[in-house]
Each structure stands twice: as C-alpha cells, then as structure tokens.
Amino acid sequence: MRQGCARLPGLGRATWQGLTEEAEKLSALLANRDPAVHGRHGHWLDKGIPGAESAIVKG
C-alpha cells in the first residue's frame, strides 16, 4: 500500500482532501468499537486485491 500523500493517477487534490476528511470521520466513529469485529476482513488487506491500487490516508 502507498503511504501518506502518495497520489493515485486521476485523483485531484480536492478528491484527496475529501477522502482524508471521510477517513477522519470514519476513524472517530469506529474508535470505540472492538477491532476484533472487523478482524475477519484483515486477510483482504494482507493479500491485496489484484489489479487495484490503494493508499492510506490520514484517519
């Protein structure tokens, strides 16, 4: 996965700002939840999705 400010092709600054704001709101919403509830989906992040690019935004 790409980290930080890495840009994926076709996404402009406004899109990245929107994604970052959404990630921050989602992080706040999920902050007090038990992470084990969603742990069963972690293998998708470990394996990766063929043909897809991803980035980690501040959240």
PDB file of N, CA and C in Angstrom:
ATOM      1  N   MET A   1       0.823  -1.182   0.000  1.00  0.00           N
ATOM      2  CA  MET A   1       0.000   0.000   0.000  1.00  0.00           C
ATOM      3  C   MET A   1       0.865   1.242   0.000  1.00  0.00           C
ATOM      4  N   ARG A   2       0.358   2.241  -0.611  1.00  0.00           N
ATOM      5  CA  ARG A   2       1.073   3.502  -0.595  1.00  0.00           C
ATOM      6  C   ARG A   2       0.761   4.236   0.699  1.00  0.00           C
ATOM      7  N   GLN A   3       1.695   5.012   1.153  1.00  0.00           N
ATOM      8  CA  GLN A   3       1.554   5.717   2.414  1.00  0.00           C
ATOM      9  C   GLN A   3       1.409   7.212   2.194  1.00  0.00           C
ATOM     10  N   GLY A   4       0.778   7.877   3.136  1.00  0.00           N
ATOM     11  CA  GLY A   4       0.772   9.330   3.212  1.00  0.00           C
ATOM     12  C   GLY A   4       0.179  10.043   2.018  1.00  0.00           C
ATOM     13  N   CYS A   5       0.950  10.922   1.400  1.00  0.00           N
ATOM     14  CA  CYS A   5       0.464  11.805   0.353  1.00  0.00           C
ATOM     15  C   CYS A   5       0.592  11.212  -1.039  1.00  0.00           C
ATOM     16  N   ALA A   6       0.909   9.953  -1.148  1.00  0.00           N
ATOM     17  CA  ALA A   6       1.049   9.341  -2.471  1.00  0.00           C
ATOM     18  C   ALA A   6      -0.220   9.576  -3.275  1.00  0.00           C
ATOM     19  N   ARG A   7      -0.070   9.901  -4.517  1.00  0.00           N
ATOM     20  CA  ARG A   7      -1.215  10.193  -5.384  1.00  0.00           C
ATOM     21  C   ARG A   7      -1.448   9.037  -6.345  1.00  0.00           C
ATOM     22  N   LEU A   8      -2.678   8.610  -6.417  1.00  0.00           N
ATOM     23  CA  LEU A   8      -3.050   7.630  -7.418  1.00  0.00           C
ATOM     24  C   LEU A   8      -3.455   8.405  -8.667  1.00  0.00           C
ATOM     25  N   PRO A   9      -3.172   7.886  -9.847  1.00  0.00           N
ATOM     26  CA  PRO A   9      -3.491   8.597 -11.082  1.00  0.00           C
ATOM     27  C   PRO A   9      -4.974   8.963 -11.160  1.00  0.00           C
ATOM     28  N   GLY A  10      -5.256  10.173 -11.613  1.00  0.00           N
ATOM     29  CA  GLY A  10      -6.632  10.585 -11.834  1.00  0.00           C
ATOM     30  C   GLY A  10      -7.340  11.208 -10.649  1.00  0.00           C
ATOM     31  N   LEU A  11      -6.729  11.218  -9.491  1.00  0.00           N
ATOM     32  CA  LEU A  11      -7.374  11.806  -8.318  1.00  0.00           C
ATOM     33  C   LEU A  11      -6.727  13.155  -8.026  1.00  0.00           C
ATOM     34  N   GLY A  12      -7.526  14.188  -8.026  1.00  0.00           N
ATOM     35  CA  GLY A  12      -7.021  15.530  -7.785  1.00  0.00           C
ATOM     36  C   GLY A  12      -6.938  15.854  -6.294  1.00  0.00           C
ATOM     37  N   ARG A  13      -6.404  17.033  -6.008  1.00  0.00           N
ATOM     38  CA  ARG A  13      -6.213  17.486  -4.628  1.00  0.00           C
ATOM     39  C   ARG A  13      -7.541  17.527  -3.861  1.00  0.00           C
ATOM     40  N   ALA A  14      -8.609  18.011  -4.490  1.00  0.00           N
ATOM     41  CA  ALA A  14      -9.909  18.099  -3.811  1.00  0.00           C
ATOM     42  C   ALA A  14     -10.433  16.711  -3.443  1.00  0.00           C
ATOM     43  N   THR A  15     -10.227  15.748  -4.329  1.00  0.00           N
ATOM     44  CA  THR A  15     -10.657  14.376  -4.046  1.00  0.00           C
ATOM     45  C   THR A  15      -9.899  13.812  -2.854  1.00  0.00           C
ATOM     46  N   TRP A  16      -8.570  14.032  -2.820  1.00  0.00           N
ATOM     47  CA  TRP A  16      -7.769  13.548  -1.699  1.00  0.00           C
ATOM     48  C   TRP A  16      -8.193  14.211  -0.400  1.00  0.00           C
ATOM     49  N   GLN A  17      -8.503  15.495  -0.445  1.00  0.00           N
ATOM     50  CA  GLN A  17      -8.953  16.195   0.751  1.00  0.00           C
ATOM     51  C   GLN A  17     -10.261  15.590   1.246  1.00  0.00           C
ATOM     52  N   GLY A  18     -11.177  15.315   0.327  1.00  0.00           N
ATOM     53  CA  GLY A  18     -12.445  14.692   0.691  1.00  0.00           C
ATOM     54  C   GLY A  18     -12.259  13.303   1.283  1.00  0.00           C
ATOM     55  N   LEU A  19     -11.367  12.519   0.686  1.00  0.00           N
ATOM     56  CA  LEU A  19     -11.091  11.179   1.210  1.00  0.00           C
ATOM     57  C   LEU A  19     -10.483  11.240   2.603  1.00  0.00           C
ATOM     58  N   THR A  20      -9.600  12.202   2.818  1.00  0.00           N
ATOM     59  CA  THR A  20      -8.969  12.362   4.124  1.00  0.00           C
ATOM     60  C   THR A  20     -10.003  12.754   5.172  1.00  0.00           C
ATOM     61  N   GLU A  21     -10.889  13.676   4.827  1.00  0.00           N
ATOM     62  CA  GLU A  21     -11.936  14.090   5.768  1.00  0.00           C
ATOM     63  C   GLU A  21     -12.867  12.921   6.092  1.00  0.00           C
ATOM     64  N   GLU A  22     -13.218  12.139   5.085  1.00  0.00           N
ATOM     65  CA  GLU A  22     -14.074  10.980   5.306  1.00  0.00           C
ATOM     66  C   GLU A  22     -13.383   9.950   6.198  1.00  0.00           C
ATOM     67  N   ALA A  23     -12.090   9.722   5.977  1.00  0.00           N
ATOM     68  CA  ALA A  23     -11.332   8.770   6.802  1.00  0.00           C
ATOM     69  C   ALA A  23     -11.280   9.235   8.255  1.00  0.00           C
ATOM     70  N   GLU A  24     -11.106  10.533   8.468  1.00  0.00           N
ATOM     71  CA  GLU A  24     -11.070  11.064   9.828  1.00  0.00           C
ATOM     72  C   GLU A  24     -12.411  10.855  10.536  1.00  0.00           C
ATOM     73  N   LYS A  25     -13.516  11.101   9.839  1.00  0.00           N
ATOM     74  CA  LYS A  25     -14.850  10.910  10.427  1.00  0.00           C
ATOM     75  C   LYS A  25     -15.108   9.437  10.713  1.00  0.00           C
ATOM     76  N   LEU A  26     -14.710   8.571   9.791  1.00  0.00           N
ATOM     77  CA  LEU A  26     -14.906   7.138   9.981  1.00  0.00           C
ATOM     78  C   LEU A  26     -14.062   6.630  11.151  1.00  0.00           C
ATOM     79  N   SER A  27     -12.835   7.116  11.268  1.00  0.00           N
ATOM     80  CA  SER A  27     -11.972   6.714  12.387  1.00  0.00           C
ATOM     81  C   SER A  27     -12.594   7.111  13.714  1.00  0.00           C
ATOM     82  N   ALA A  28     -13.157   8.321  13.777  1.00  0.00           N
ATOM     83  CA  ALA A  28     -13.803   8.777  15.011  1.00  0.00           C
ATOM     84  C   ALA A  28     -15.018   7.908  15.328  1.00  0.00           C
ATOM     85  N   LEU A  29     -15.794   7.549  14.316  1.00  0.00           N
ATOM     86  CA  LEU A  29     -16.983   6.723  14.511  1.00  0.00           C
ATOM     87  C   LEU A  29     -16.616   5.335  15.035  1.00  0.00           C
ATOM     88  N   LEU A  30     -15.536   4.765  14.518  1.00  0.00           N
ATOM     89  CA  LEU A  30     -15.157   3.393  14.872  1.00  0.00           C
ATOM     90  C   LEU A  30     -14.190   3.292  16.053  1.00  0.00           C
ATOM     91  N   ALA A  31     -13.733   4.419  16.570  1.00  0.00           N
ATOM     92  CA  ALA A  31     -12.673   4.438  17.581  1.00  0.00           C
ATOM     93  C   ALA A  31     -12.979   3.583  18.807  1.00  0.00           C
ATOM     94  N   ASN A  32     -14.206   3.561  19.268  1.00  0.00           N
ATOM     95  CA  ASN A  32     -14.539   2.844  20.498  1.00  0.00           C
ATOM     96  C   ASN A  32     -15.071   1.435  20.257  1.00  0.00           C
ATOM     97  N   ARG A  33     -15.046   0.982  19.038  1.00  0.00           N
ATOM     98  CA  ARG A  33     -15.558  -0.357  18.724  1.00  0.00           C
ATOM     99  C   ARG A  33     -14.460  -1.396  18.863  1.00  0.00           C
ATOM    100  N   ASP A  34     -14.855  -2.601  19.132  1.00  0.00           N
ATOM    101  CA  ASP A  34     -13.922  -3.720  19.268  1.00  0.00           C
ATOM    102  C   ASP A  34     -13.343  -4.057  17.893  1.00  0.00           C
ATOM    103  N   PRO A  35     -12.023  -3.913  17.707  1.00  0.00           N
ATOM    104  CA  PRO A  35     -11.427  -4.187  16.392  1.00  0.00           C
ATOM    105  C   PRO A  35     -11.568  -5.641  15.954  1.00  0.00           C
ATOM    106  N   ALA A  36     -11.794  -6.551  16.881  1.00  0.00           N
ATOM    107  CA  ALA A  36     -11.930  -7.961  16.519  1.00  0.00           C
ATOM    108  C   ALA A  36     -13.171  -8.210  15.662  1.00  0.00           C
ATOM    109  N   VAL A  37     -14.168  -7.330  15.777  1.00  0.00           N
ATOM    110  CA  VAL A  37     -15.393  -7.493  14.998  1.00  0.00           C
ATOM    111  C   VAL A  37     -15.085  -7.466  13.499  1.00  0.00           C
ATOM    112  N   HIS A  38     -14.157  -6.616  13.103  1.00  0.00           N
ATOM    113  CA  HIS A  38     -13.821  -6.499  11.689  1.00  0.00           C
ATOM    114  C   HIS A  38     -12.535  -7.248  11.327  1.00  0.00           C
ATOM    115  N   GLY A  39     -11.957  -7.923  12.295  1.00  0.00           N
ATOM    116  CA  GLY A  39     -10.702  -8.628  12.082  1.00  0.00           C
ATOM    117  C   GLY A  39     -10.765  -9.710  11.032  1.00  0.00           C
ATOM    118  N   ARG A  40     -11.927 -10.283  10.843  1.00  0.00           N
ATOM    119  CA  ARG A  40     -12.051 -11.365   9.852  1.00  0.00           C
ATOM    120  C   ARG A  40     -11.832 -10.874   8.431  1.00  0.00           C
ATOM    121  N   HIS A  41     -11.878  -9.559   8.223  1.00  0.00           N
ATOM    122  CA  HIS A  41     -11.673  -8.999   6.887  1.00  0.00           C
ATOM    123  C   HIS A  41     -10.214  -8.608   6.638  1.00  0.00           C
ATOM    124  N   GLY A  42      -9.385  -8.696   7.661  1.00  0.00           N
ATOM    125  CA  GLY A  42      -7.995  -8.287   7.546  1.00  0.00           C
ATOM    126  C   GLY A  42      -7.204  -9.034   6.495  1.00  0.00           C
ATOM    127  N   HIS A  43      -7.576 -10.275   6.224  1.00  0.00           N
ATOM    128  CA  HIS A  43      -6.828 -11.054   5.237  1.00  0.00           C
ATOM    129  C   HIS A  43      -6.885 -10.422   3.851  1.00  0.00           C
ATOM    130  N   TRP A  44      -7.939  -9.670   3.544  1.00  0.00           N
ATOM    131  CA  TRP A  44      -8.016  -8.998   2.240  1.00  0.00           C
ATOM    132  C   TRP A  44      -6.954  -7.914   2.133  1.00  0.00           C
ATOM    133  N   LEU A  45      -6.691  -7.238   3.226  1.00  0.00           N
ATOM    134  CA  LEU A  45      -5.652  -6.211   3.216  1.00  0.00           C
ATOM    135  C   LEU A  45      -4.272  -6.839   3.094  1.00  0.00           C
ATOM    136  N   ASP A  46      -4.081  -7.989   3.741  1.00  0.00           N
ATOM    137  CA  ASP A  46      -2.792  -8.684   3.676  1.00  0.00           C
ATOM    138  C   ASP A  46      -2.524  -9.248   2.280  1.00  0.00           C
ATOM    139  N   LYS A  47      -3.546  -9.828   1.661  1.00  0.00           N
ATOM    140  CA  LYS A  47      -3.401 -10.432   0.335  1.00  0.00           C
ATOM    141  C   LYS A  47      -3.325  -9.380  -0.763  1.00  0.00           C
ATOM    142  N   GLY A  48      -4.052  -8.311  -0.579  1.00  0.00           N
ATOM    143  CA  GLY A  48      -4.164  -7.314  -1.634  1.00  0.00           C
ATOM    144  C   GLY A  48      -5.226  -7.731  -2.633  1.00  0.00           C
ATOM    145  N   ILE A  49      -5.661  -6.788  -3.415  1.00  0.00           N
ATOM    146  CA  ILE A  49      -6.672  -7.065  -4.424  1.00  0.00           C
ATOM    147  C   ILE A  49      -5.992  -6.921  -5.780  1.00  0.00           C
ATOM    148  N   PRO A  50      -5.921  -8.002  -6.559  1.00  0.00           N
ATOM    149  CA  PRO A  50      -5.232  -7.952  -7.853  1.00  0.00           C
ATOM    150  C   PRO A  50      -5.787  -6.849  -8.751  1.00  0.00           C
ATOM    151  N   GLY A  51      -4.896  -6.097  -9.371  1.00  0.00           N
ATOM    152  CA  GLY A  51      -5.283  -5.059 -10.293  1.00  0.00           C
ATOM    153  C   GLY A  51      -5.803  -3.785  -9.648  1.00  0.00           C
ATOM    154  N   ALA A  52      -5.713  -3.677  -8.338  1.00  0.00           N
ATOM    155  CA  ALA A  52      -6.216  -2.483  -7.653  1.00  0.00           C
ATOM    156  C   ALA A  52      -5.063  -1.768  -6.957  1.00  0.00           C
ATOM    157  N   GLU A  53      -5.114  -0.464  -6.994  1.00  0.00           N
ATOM    158  CA  GLU A  53      -4.137   0.331  -6.252  1.00  0.00           C
ATOM    159  C   GLU A  53      -4.825   0.838  -4.997  1.00  0.00           C
ATOM    160  N   SER A  54      -4.054   1.088  -3.976  1.00  0.00           N
ATOM    161  CA  SER A  54      -4.617   1.610  -2.734  1.00  0.00           C
ATOM    162  C   SER A  54      -3.675   2.615  -2.122  1.00  0.00           C
ATOM    163  N   ALA A  55      -4.207   3.377  -1.214  1.00  0.00           N
ATOM    164  CA  ALA A  55      -3.411   4.377  -0.494  1.00  0.00           C
ATOM    165  C   ALA A  55      -3.957   4.473   0.917  1.00  0.00           C
ATOM    166  N   ILE A  56      -3.096   4.788   1.833  1.00  0.00           N
ATOM    167  CA  ILE A  56      -3.514   5.013   3.211  1.00  0.00           C
ATOM    168  C   ILE A  56      -3.557   6.513   3.426  1.00  0.00           C
ATOM    169  N   VAL A  57      -4.721   7.004   3.837  1.00  0.00           N
ATOM    170  CA  VAL A  57      -4.869   8.425   4.106  1.00  0.00           C
ATOM    171  C   VAL A  57      -4.939   8.626   5.616  1.00  0.00           C
ATOM    172  N   LYS A  58      -4.631   9.835   6.034  1.00  0.00           N
ATOM    173  CA  LYS A  58      -4.681  10.166   7.452  1.00  0.00           C
ATOM    174  C   LYS A  58      -6.087   9.881   7.959  1.00  0.00           C
ATOM    175  N   GLY A  59      -6.177   9.203   9.099  1.00  0.00           N
ATOM    176  CA  GLY A  59      -7.518   8.896   9.600  1.00  0.00           C
ATOM    177  C   GLY A  59      -7.576   8.667  11.054  1.00  0.00           C
TER     178      GLY A  59
END
